[in-house]
């Protein structure tokens, strides 16, 4: 729950960042939280504590979210 809600929390905090570097830092934290959320969902799936079809849907959503943050970070750092 914490890593999942941290994604949007860091994104919102980034909107009021004091510098470009600070903004990128919040996006980086969002990306890390998305990756952590993937880990927890995989554990839930593999231990059969959650419906695998639902978990797969969430994992696809998290992949898209991670790609958005990753691409944004590359753009912010001038590497795209």
PDB file of N, CA and C in Angstrom:
ATOM      1  N   UNK A   1       0.831  -1.188   0.000  1.00  0.00           N
ATOM      2  CA  UNK A   1       0.000   0.000   0.000  1.00  0.00           C
ATOM      3  C   UNK A   1       0.879   1.257   0.000  1.00  0.00           C
ATOM      4  N   UNK A   2       1.939   1.215   0.798  1.00  0.00           N
ATOM      5  CA  UNK A   2       2.790   2.401   0.925  1.00  0.00           C
ATOM      6  C   UNK A   2       3.492   2.735  -0.390  1.00  0.00           C
ATOM      7  N   UNK A   3       4.074   1.719  -1.056  1.00  0.00           N
ATOM      8  CA  UNK A   3       4.790   2.007  -2.300  1.00  0.00           C
ATOM      9  C   UNK A   3       3.827   2.432  -3.401  1.00  0.00           C
ATOM     10  N   UNK A   4       2.623   1.849  -3.406  1.00  0.00           N
ATOM     11  CA  UNK A   4       1.637   2.214  -4.419  1.00  0.00           C
ATOM     12  C   UNK A   4       1.162   3.645  -4.291  1.00  0.00           C
ATOM     13  N   UNK A   5       0.922   4.089  -3.067  1.00  0.00           N
ATOM     14  CA  UNK A   5       0.468   5.463  -2.870  1.00  0.00           C
ATOM     15  C   UNK A   5       1.624   6.457  -2.960  1.00  0.00           C
ATOM     16  N   UNK A   6       2.832   5.973  -2.774  1.00  0.00           N
ATOM     17  CA  UNK A   6       4.003   6.837  -2.875  1.00  0.00           C
ATOM     18  C   UNK A   6       4.210   7.334  -4.309  1.00  0.00           C
ATOM     19  N   UNK A   7       3.782   6.541  -5.285  1.00  0.00           N
ATOM     20  CA  UNK A   7       3.944   6.932  -6.693  1.00  0.00           C
ATOM     21  C   UNK A   7       3.268   8.279  -6.933  1.00  0.00           C
ATOM     22  N   UNK A   8       2.002   8.366  -6.611  1.00  0.00           N
ATOM     23  CA  UNK A   8       1.258   9.604  -6.856  1.00  0.00           C
ATOM     24  C   UNK A   8       1.681  10.707  -5.889  1.00  0.00           C
ATOM     25  N   UNK A   9       2.025  10.327  -4.656  1.00  0.00           N
ATOM     26  CA  UNK A   9       2.464  11.322  -3.682  1.00  0.00           C
ATOM     27  C   UNK A   9       3.704  12.057  -4.139  1.00  0.00           C
ATOM     28  N   UNK A  10       4.677  11.332  -4.634  1.00  0.00           N
ATOM     29  CA  UNK A  10       5.903  11.973  -5.119  1.00  0.00           C
ATOM     30  C   UNK A  10       5.657  12.773  -6.395  1.00  0.00           C
ATOM     31  N   UNK A  11       4.769  12.281  -7.236  1.00  0.00           N
ATOM     32  CA  UNK A  11       4.429  13.029  -8.446  1.00  0.00           C
ATOM     33  C   UNK A  11       3.826  14.387  -8.074  1.00  0.00           C
ATOM     34  N   UNK A  12       2.876  14.381  -7.135  1.00  0.00           N
ATOM     35  CA  UNK A  12       2.232  15.627  -6.703  1.00  0.00           C
ATOM     36  C   UNK A  12       3.252  16.559  -6.059  1.00  0.00           C
ATOM     37  N   UNK A  13       4.120  16.022  -5.214  1.00  0.00           N
ATOM     38  CA  UNK A  13       5.169  16.846  -4.591  1.00  0.00           C
ATOM     39  C   UNK A  13       6.074  17.457  -5.651  1.00  0.00           C
ATOM     40  N   UNK A  14       6.365  16.694  -6.688  1.00  0.00           N
ATOM     41  CA  UNK A  14       7.215  17.192  -7.767  1.00  0.00           C
ATOM     42  C   UNK A  14       6.626  18.389  -8.480  1.00  0.00           C
ATOM     43  N   UNK A  15       5.308  18.479  -8.503  1.00  0.00           N
ATOM     44  CA  UNK A  15       4.651  19.604  -9.171  1.00  0.00           C
ATOM     45  C   UNK A  15       4.987  20.942  -8.513  1.00  0.00           C
ATOM     46  N   UNK A  16       5.352  20.906  -7.241  1.00  0.00           N
ATOM     47  CA  UNK A  16       5.712  22.157  -6.561  1.00  0.00           C
ATOM     48  C   UNK A  16       7.198  22.187  -6.209  1.00  0.00           C
ATOM     49  N   UNK A  17       7.986  21.474  -6.986  1.00  0.00           N
ATOM     50  CA  UNK A  17       9.429  21.424  -6.736  1.00  0.00           C
ATOM     51  C   UNK A  17      10.056  22.802  -6.912  1.00  0.00           C
ATOM     52  N   UNK A  18      11.156  23.018  -6.202  1.00  0.00           N
ATOM     53  CA  UNK A  18      11.813  24.322  -6.229  1.00  0.00           C
ATOM     54  C   UNK A  18      12.842  24.461  -7.348  1.00  0.00           C
ATOM     55  N   UNK A  19      13.187  23.352  -7.982  1.00  0.00           N
ATOM     56  CA  UNK A  19      14.150  23.401  -9.082  1.00  0.00           C
ATOM     57  C   UNK A  19      13.927  22.215 -10.007  1.00  0.00           C
ATOM     58  N   UNK A  20      14.564  22.264 -11.168  1.00  0.00           N
ATOM     59  CA  UNK A  20      14.466  21.161 -12.124  1.00  0.00           C
ATOM     60  C   UNK A  20      15.058  19.878 -11.521  1.00  0.00           C
ATOM     61  N   UNK A  21      16.154  20.034 -10.787  1.00  0.00           N
ATOM     62  CA  UNK A  21      16.784  18.882 -10.150  1.00  0.00           C
ATOM     63  C   UNK A  21      15.861  18.273  -9.096  1.00  0.00           C
ATOM     64  N   UNK A  22      15.221  19.116  -8.311  1.00  0.00           N
ATOM     65  CA  UNK A  22      14.273  18.669  -7.294  1.00  0.00           C
ATOM     66  C   UNK A  22      13.087  17.965  -7.956  1.00  0.00           C
ATOM     67  N   UNK A  23      12.591  18.536  -9.048  1.00  0.00           N
ATOM     68  CA  UNK A  23      11.493  17.953  -9.811  1.00  0.00           C
ATOM     69  C   UNK A  23      11.875  16.551 -10.292  1.00  0.00           C
ATOM     70  N   UNK A  24      13.056  16.418 -10.872  1.00  0.00           N
ATOM     71  CA  UNK A  24      13.528  15.120 -11.360  1.00  0.00           C
ATOM     72  C   UNK A  24      13.688  14.125 -10.213  1.00  0.00           C
ATOM     73  N   UNK A  25      14.114  14.608  -9.063  1.00  0.00           N
ATOM     74  CA  UNK A  25      14.283  13.744  -7.901  1.00  0.00           C
ATOM     75  C   UNK A  25      12.942  13.127  -7.474  1.00  0.00           C
ATOM     76  N   UNK A  26      11.878  13.929  -7.468  1.00  0.00           N
ATOM     77  CA  UNK A  26      10.558  13.407  -7.118  1.00  0.00           C
ATOM     78  C   UNK A  26      10.094  12.385  -8.155  1.00  0.00           C
ATOM     79  N   UNK A  27      10.369  12.647  -9.432  1.00  0.00           N
ATOM     80  CA  UNK A  27       9.999  11.686 -10.469  1.00  0.00           C
ATOM     81  C   UNK A  27      10.784  10.389 -10.286  1.00  0.00           C
ATOM     82  N   UNK A  28      12.041  10.509  -9.911  1.00  0.00           N
ATOM     83  CA  UNK A  28      12.861   9.326  -9.685  1.00  0.00           C
ATOM     84  C   UNK A  28      12.294   8.490  -8.529  1.00  0.00           C
ATOM     85  N   UNK A  29      11.853   9.155  -7.478  1.00  0.00           N
ATOM     86  CA  UNK A  29      11.235   8.441  -6.351  1.00  0.00           C
ATOM     87  C   UNK A  29       9.942   7.756  -6.780  1.00  0.00           C
ATOM     88  N   UNK A  30       9.173   8.401  -7.647  1.00  0.00           N
ATOM     89  CA  UNK A  30       7.948   7.781  -8.157  1.00  0.00           C
ATOM     90  C   UNK A  30       8.272   6.526  -8.949  1.00  0.00           C
ATOM     91  N   UNK A  31       9.307   6.600  -9.767  1.00  0.00           N
ATOM     92  CA  UNK A  31       9.727   5.433 -10.550  1.00  0.00           C
ATOM     93  C   UNK A  31      10.163   4.294  -9.633  1.00  0.00           C
ATOM     94  N   UNK A  32      10.932   4.607  -8.618  1.00  0.00           N
ATOM     95  CA  UNK A  32      11.374   3.589  -7.671  1.00  0.00           C
ATOM     96  C   UNK A  32      10.188   2.963  -6.931  1.00  0.00           C
ATOM     97  N   UNK A  33       9.216   3.769  -6.574  1.00  0.00           N
ATOM     98  CA  UNK A  33       8.032   3.248  -5.892  1.00  0.00           C
ATOM     99  C   UNK A  33       7.220   2.338  -6.810  1.00  0.00           C
ATOM    100  N   UNK A  34       7.158   2.689  -8.092  1.00  0.00           N
ATOM    101  CA  UNK A  34       6.464   1.826  -9.056  1.00  0.00           C
ATOM    102  C   UNK A  34       7.166   0.478  -9.151  1.00  0.00           C
ATOM    103  N   UNK A  35       8.489   0.500  -9.182  1.00  0.00           N
ATOM    104  CA  UNK A  35       9.243  -0.756  -9.233  1.00  0.00           C
ATOM    105  C   UNK A  35       9.058  -1.577  -7.962  1.00  0.00           C
ATOM    106  N   UNK A  36       9.008  -0.906  -6.815  1.00  0.00           N
ATOM    107  CA  UNK A  36       8.777  -1.624  -5.560  1.00  0.00           C
ATOM    108  C   UNK A  36       7.379  -2.240  -5.547  1.00  0.00           C
ATOM    109  N   UNK A  37       6.413  -1.509  -6.059  1.00  0.00           N
ATOM    110  CA  UNK A  37       5.043  -2.034  -6.116  1.00  0.00           C
ATOM    111  C   UNK A  37       4.979  -3.288  -6.978  1.00  0.00           C
ATOM    112  N   UNK A  38       5.733  -3.287  -8.078  1.00  0.00           N
ATOM    113  CA  UNK A  38       5.787  -4.487  -8.931  1.00  0.00           C
ATOM    114  C   UNK A  38       6.301  -5.684  -8.134  1.00  0.00           C
ATOM    115  N   UNK A  39       7.328  -5.470  -7.352  1.00  0.00           N
ATOM    116  CA  UNK A  39       7.893  -6.548  -6.536  1.00  0.00           C
ATOM    117  C   UNK A  39       6.834  -7.142  -5.618  1.00  0.00           C
ATOM    118  N   UNK A  40       6.110  -6.275  -4.888  1.00  0.00           N
ATOM    119  CA  UNK A  40       5.108  -6.779  -3.942  1.00  0.00           C
ATOM    120  C   UNK A  40       3.988  -7.515  -4.652  1.00  0.00           C
ATOM    121  N   UNK A  41       3.582  -7.022  -5.813  1.00  0.00           N
ATOM    122  CA  UNK A  41       2.532  -7.710  -6.563  1.00  0.00           C
ATOM    123  C   UNK A  41       3.001  -9.070  -7.069  1.00  0.00           C
ATOM    124  N   UNK A  42       4.241  -9.146  -7.504  1.00  0.00           N
ATOM    125  CA  UNK A  42       4.790 -10.426  -7.963  1.00  0.00           C
ATOM    126  C   UNK A  42       4.832 -11.429  -6.813  1.00  0.00           C
ATOM    127  N   UNK A  43       5.210 -10.941  -5.642  1.00  0.00           N
ATOM    128  CA  UNK A  43       5.230 -11.828  -4.470  1.00  0.00           C
ATOM    129  C   UNK A  43       3.815 -12.316  -4.159  1.00  0.00           C
ATOM    130  N   UNK A  44       2.834 -11.415  -4.190  1.00  0.00           N
ATOM    131  CA  UNK A  44       1.450 -11.816  -3.948  1.00  0.00           C
ATOM    132  C   UNK A  44       0.986 -12.846  -4.982  1.00  0.00           C
ATOM    133  N   UNK A  45       1.342 -12.611  -6.238  1.00  0.00           N
ATOM    134  CA  UNK A  45       0.965 -13.549  -7.300  1.00  0.00           C
ATOM    135  C   UNK A  45       1.617 -14.905  -7.110  1.00  0.00           C
ATOM    136  N   UNK A  46       2.923 -14.903  -6.870  1.00  0.00           N
ATOM    137  CA  UNK A  46       3.671 -16.153  -6.780  1.00  0.00           C
ATOM    138  C   UNK A  46       3.342 -16.974  -5.542  1.00  0.00           C
ATOM    139  N   UNK A  47       2.892 -16.324  -4.486  1.00  0.00           N
ATOM    140  CA  UNK A  47       2.492 -17.045  -3.274  1.00  0.00           C
ATOM    141  C   UNK A  47       1.000 -17.371  -3.291  1.00  0.00           C
ATOM    142  N   UNK A  48       0.366 -17.024  -4.417  1.00  0.00           N
ATOM    143  CA  UNK A  48      -1.062 -17.294  -4.619  1.00  0.00           C
ATOM    144  C   UNK A  48      -1.962 -16.637  -3.568  1.00  0.00           C
ATOM    145  N   UNK A  49      -1.554 -15.468  -3.118  1.00  0.00           N
ATOM    146  CA  UNK A  49      -2.354 -14.709  -2.157  1.00  0.00           C
ATOM    147  C   UNK A  49      -3.226 -13.671  -2.858  1.00  0.00           C
ATOM    148  N   UNK A  50      -3.129 -13.622  -4.175  1.00  0.00           N
ATOM    149  CA  UNK A  50      -3.952 -12.704  -4.962  1.00  0.00           C
ATOM    150  C   UNK A  50      -4.278 -13.365  -6.292  1.00  0.00           C
ATOM    151  N   UNK A  51      -5.373 -12.959  -6.870  1.00  0.00           N
ATOM    152  CA  UNK A  51      -5.796 -13.490  -8.163  1.00  0.00           C
ATOM    153  C   UNK A  51      -4.778 -13.093  -9.229  1.00  0.00           C
ATOM    154  N   UNK A  52      -4.226 -14.069  -9.919  1.00  0.00           N
ATOM    155  CA  UNK A  52      -3.147 -13.801 -10.874  1.00  0.00           C
ATOM    156  C   UNK A  52      -3.600 -12.922 -12.037  1.00  0.00           C
ATOM    157  N   UNK A  53      -4.862 -13.043 -12.448  1.00  0.00           N
ATOM    158  CA  UNK A  53      -5.366 -12.198 -13.545  1.00  0.00           C
ATOM    159  C   UNK A  53      -5.403 -10.728 -13.115  1.00  0.00           C
ATOM    160  N   UNK A  54      -5.840 -10.473 -11.901  1.00  0.00           N
ATOM    161  CA  UNK A  54      -5.871  -9.100 -11.398  1.00  0.00           C
ATOM    162  C   UNK A  54      -4.462  -8.550 -11.235  1.00  0.00           C
ATOM    163  N   UNK A  55      -3.569  -9.367 -10.715  1.00  0.00           N
ATOM    164  CA  UNK A  55      -2.185  -8.934 -10.526  1.00  0.00           C
ATOM    165  C   UNK A  55      -1.556  -8.597 -11.870  1.00  0.00           C
ATOM    166  N   UNK A  56      -1.801  -9.419 -12.884  1.00  0.00           N
ATOM    167  CA  UNK A  56      -1.230  -9.152 -14.213  1.00  0.00           C
ATOM    168  C   UNK A  56      -1.713  -7.809 -14.748  1.00  0.00           C
ATOM    169  N   UNK A  57      -2.981  -7.484 -14.508  1.00  0.00           N
ATOM    170  CA  UNK A  57      -3.511  -6.195 -14.947  1.00  0.00           C
ATOM    171  C   UNK A  57      -2.752  -5.065 -14.259  1.00  0.00           C
ATOM    172  N   UNK A  58      -2.579  -5.176 -12.945  1.00  0.00           N
ATOM    173  CA  UNK A  58      -1.855  -4.139 -12.193  1.00  0.00           C
ATOM    174  C   UNK A  58      -0.400  -4.048 -12.645  1.00  0.00           C
ATOM    175  N   UNK A  59       0.220  -5.178 -12.925  1.00  0.00           N
ATOM    176  CA  UNK A  59       1.613  -5.161 -13.388  1.00  0.00           C
ATOM    177  C   UNK A  59       1.744  -4.443 -14.730  1.00  0.00           C
ATOM    178  N   UNK A  60       0.779  -4.649 -15.631  1.00  0.00           N
ATOM    179  CA  UNK A  60       0.803  -3.943 -16.915  1.00  0.00           C
ATOM    180  C   UNK A  60       0.640  -2.439 -16.700  1.00  0.00           C
ATOM    181  N   UNK A  61      -0.253  -2.061 -15.807  1.00  0.00           N
ATOM    182  CA  UNK A  61      -0.438  -0.643 -15.497  1.00  0.00           C
ATOM    183  C   UNK A  61       0.842  -0.045 -14.919  1.00  0.00           C
ATOM    184  N   UNK A  62       1.476  -0.776 -14.023  1.00  0.00           N
ATOM    185  CA  UNK A  62       2.724  -0.285 -13.423  1.00  0.00           C
ATOM    186  C   UNK A  62       3.837  -0.192 -14.453  1.00  0.00           C
ATOM    187  N   UNK A  63       3.859  -1.107 -15.427  1.00  0.00           N
ATOM    188  CA  UNK A  63       4.845  -1.002 -16.508  1.00  0.00           C
ATOM    189  C   UNK A  63       4.642   0.300 -17.285  1.00  0.00           C
ATOM    190  N   UNK A  64       3.388   0.624 -17.574  1.00  0.00           N
ATOM    191  CA  UNK A  64       3.112   1.867 -18.292  1.00  0.00           C
ATOM    192  C   UNK A  64       3.513   3.083 -17.469  1.00  0.00           C
ATOM    193  N   UNK A  65       3.182   3.050 -16.189  1.00  0.00           N
ATOM    194  CA  UNK A  65       3.553   4.157 -15.303  1.00  0.00           C
ATOM    195  C   UNK A  65       5.070   4.296 -15.231  1.00  0.00           C
ATOM    196  N   UNK A  66       5.767   3.177 -15.095  1.00  0.00           N
ATOM    197  CA  UNK A  66       7.236   3.203 -15.042  1.00  0.00           C
ATOM    198  C   UNK A  66       7.817   3.764 -16.332  1.00  0.00           C
ATOM    199  N   UNK A  67       7.250   3.374 -17.461  1.00  0.00           N
ATOM    200  CA  UNK A  67       7.734   3.890 -18.745  1.00  0.00           C
ATOM    201  C   UNK A  67       7.536   5.390 -18.860  1.00  0.00           C
ATOM    202  N   UNK A  68       6.421   5.880 -18.346  1.00  0.00           N
ATOM    203  CA  UNK A  68       6.159   7.328 -18.386  1.00  0.00           C
ATOM    204  C   UNK A  68       7.186   8.076 -17.540  1.00  0.00           C
ATOM    205  N   UNK A  69       7.400   7.601 -16.313  1.00  0.00           N
ATOM    206  CA  UNK A  69       8.376   8.272 -15.445  1.00  0.00           C
ATOM    207  C   UNK A  69       9.795   8.130 -15.998  1.00  0.00           C
ATOM    208  N   UNK A  70      10.136   6.959 -16.499  1.00  0.00           N
ATOM    209  CA  UNK A  70      11.472   6.753 -17.066  1.00  0.00           C
ATOM    210  C   UNK A  70      11.727   7.663 -18.254  1.00  0.00           C
ATOM    211  N   UNK A  71      10.753   7.741 -19.150  1.00  0.00           N
ATOM    212  CA  UNK A  71      10.883   8.611 -20.318  1.00  0.00           C
ATOM    213  C   UNK A  71      10.967  10.081 -19.908  1.00  0.00           C
ATOM    214  N   UNK A  72      10.164  10.457 -18.923  1.00  0.00           N
ATOM    215  CA  UNK A  72      10.198  11.842 -18.434  1.00  0.00           C
ATOM    216  C   UNK A  72      11.556  12.181 -17.828  1.00  0.00           C
ATOM    217  N   UNK A  73      12.116  11.238 -17.082  1.00  0.00           N
ATOM    218  CA  UNK A  73      13.436  11.485 -16.489  1.00  0.00           C
ATOM    219  C   UNK A  73      14.511  11.626 -17.547  1.00  0.00           C
ATOM    220  N   UNK A  74      14.445  10.817 -18.592  1.00  0.00           N
ATOM    221  CA  UNK A  74      15.412  10.941 -19.677  1.00  0.00           C
ATOM    222  C   UNK A  74      15.294  12.306 -20.351  1.00  0.00           C
ATOM    223  N   UNK A  75      14.066  12.754 -20.555  1.00  0.00           N
ATOM    224  CA  UNK A  75      13.837  14.075 -21.163  1.00  0.00           C
ATOM    225  C   UNK A  75      14.372  15.170 -20.247  1.00  0.00           C
ATOM    226  N   UNK A  76      14.080  15.074 -18.959  1.00  0.00           N
ATOM    227  CA  UNK A  76      14.546  16.088 -18.008  1.00  0.00           C
ATOM    228  C   UNK A  76      16.059  16.168 -17.953  1.00  0.00           C
ATOM    229  N   UNK A  77      16.705  15.044 -18.115  1.00  0.00           N
ATOM    230  CA  UNK A  77      18.168  15.003 -18.050  1.00  0.00           C
ATOM    231  C   UNK A  77      18.815  15.249 -19.408  1.00  0.00           C
ATOM    232  N   UNK A  78      18.001  15.517 -20.418  1.00  0.00           N
ATOM    233  CA  UNK A  78      18.519  15.810 -21.751  1.00  0.00           C
ATOM    234  C   UNK A  78      19.112  14.609 -22.440  1.00  0.00           C
ATOM    235  N   UNK A  79      18.676  13.423 -22.109  1.00  0.00           N
ATOM    236  CA  UNK A  79      19.237  12.200 -22.706  1.00  0.00           C
ATOM    237  C   UNK A  79      18.269  11.556 -23.698  1.00  0.00           C
ATOM    238  N   UNK A  80      17.224  12.294 -24.050  1.00  0.00           N
ATOM    239  CA  UNK A  80      16.263  11.738 -25.004  1.00  0.00           C
ATOM    240  C   UNK A  80      16.068  12.710 -26.134  1.00  0.00           C
TER     241      UNK A  80
END
